[in-house]
Amino acid sequence: MGNAEASETVETAERLWTVRDCAKYLNVSRKWVYSHAQAGDLPHSWLGGTALRFHPARIREYAQTLTGGAKVVPLRPLRKC
């Protein structure tokens, strides 16, 4: 993969969500997010072994399983970086 392709992939990739972002999207507490991530119920990744992050697409899929396939719409738009 050349440099142009690599930078295009990085620019088009959606940023990972924080615990706060995930909680806002799912309309739950941050404690709930930590608890379900630790239990292995909520798809997540660890960055450097200390930072808990979430792939937005995986969280959207997870939310659909909770709602029986209904689309989940966040109450507030998530902040953009």
Protein backbone atom coordinates (compact mmCIF):
# COMPACT_ATOMS: atom_id res chain seq x y z
CA MET A 1 0.00 0.00 0.00
CA GLY A 2 1.48 3.38 -1.00
CA ASN A 3 1.50 6.51 1.13
CA ALA A 4 -1.43 8.02 -0.79
CA GLU A 5 -3.56 4.92 -0.15
CA ALA A 6 -2.59 4.79 3.52
CA SER A 7 -3.49 8.43 4.18
CA GLU A 8 -6.77 8.03 2.28
CA THR A 9 -7.68 5.07 4.50
CA VAL A 10 -6.86 7.03 7.65
CA GLU A 11 -8.85 10.07 6.53
CA THR A 12 -11.96 8.07 5.61
CA ALA A 13 -11.89 5.86 8.71
CA GLU A 14 -14.33 6.79 11.45
CA ARG A 15 -12.66 7.70 14.72
CA LEU A 16 -13.01 5.37 17.69
CA TRP A 17 -15.50 6.32 20.38
CA THR A 18 -14.66 6.93 24.01
CA VAL A 19 -16.66 5.49 26.90
CA ARG A 20 -18.58 8.78 27.05
CA ASP A 21 -19.39 8.65 23.30
CA CYS A 22 -20.59 5.06 23.59
CA ALA A 23 -22.73 5.83 26.64
CA LYS A 24 -24.34 8.80 24.89
CA TYR A 25 -25.13 6.75 21.80
CA LEU A 26 -26.65 3.89 23.80
CA ASN A 27 -28.31 6.29 26.28
CA VAL A 28 -26.78 4.49 29.26
CA SER A 29 -24.38 5.46 32.04
CA ARG A 30 -20.61 5.26 31.69
CA LYS A 31 -20.66 2.73 34.54
CA TRP A 32 -22.95 0.50 32.42
CA VAL A 33 -20.52 0.75 29.50
CA TYR A 34 -17.52 -0.19 31.64
CA SER A 35 -19.42 -3.06 33.24
CA HIS A 36 -20.63 -4.57 29.96
CA ALA A 37 -17.25 -4.12 28.28
CA GLN A 38 -15.54 -5.88 31.19
CA ALA A 39 -18.10 -8.71 31.04
CA GLY A 40 -17.37 -9.13 27.32
CA ASP A 41 -20.92 -8.23 26.26
CA LEU A 42 -20.02 -4.92 24.61
CA PRO A 43 -17.53 -5.00 21.70
CA HIS A 44 -14.47 -2.91 22.56
CA SER A 45 -10.73 -2.42 22.10
CA TRP A 46 -7.95 -1.40 24.45
CA LEU A 47 -5.40 1.13 23.25
CA GLY A 48 -2.06 0.72 24.96
CA GLY A 49 -3.71 -1.47 27.58
CA THR A 50 -5.28 1.51 29.36
CA ALA A 51 -7.63 3.38 27.03
CA LEU A 52 -10.99 1.72 26.38
CA ARG A 53 -12.33 2.53 22.91
CA PHE A 54 -15.24 1.42 20.74
CA HIS A 55 -15.65 0.96 17.00
CA PRO A 56 -18.80 2.93 16.04
CA ALA A 57 -19.97 0.35 13.49
CA ARG A 58 -19.73 -2.47 16.04
CA ILE A 59 -21.64 -0.46 18.64
CA ARG A 60 -24.37 0.31 16.10
CA GLU A 61 -24.64 -3.42 15.31
CA TYR A 62 -24.73 -4.22 19.03
CA ALA A 63 -27.51 -1.65 19.56
CA GLN A 64 -29.57 -3.23 16.80
CA THR A 65 -29.35 -6.62 18.50
CA LEU A 66 -30.71 -5.02 21.68
CA THR A 67 -33.62 -3.40 19.86
CA GLY A 68 -34.55 -6.38 17.68
CA GLY A 69 -33.22 -4.74 14.52
CA ALA A 70 -34.82 -1.33 15.03
CA LYS A 71 -32.59 1.62 14.18
CA VAL A 72 -31.17 3.41 17.21
CA VAL A 73 -30.99 7.18 16.94
CA PRO A 74 -28.87 9.01 19.53
CA LEU A 75 -30.64 11.72 21.53
CA ARG A 76 -27.84 14.20 20.84
CA PRO A 77 -25.35 14.24 18.02
CA LEU A 78 -21.89 13.05 19.03
CA ARG A 79 -19.11 15.62 19.02
CA LYS A 80 -16.67 15.60 16.12
CA CYS A 81 -12.93 15.91 16.53
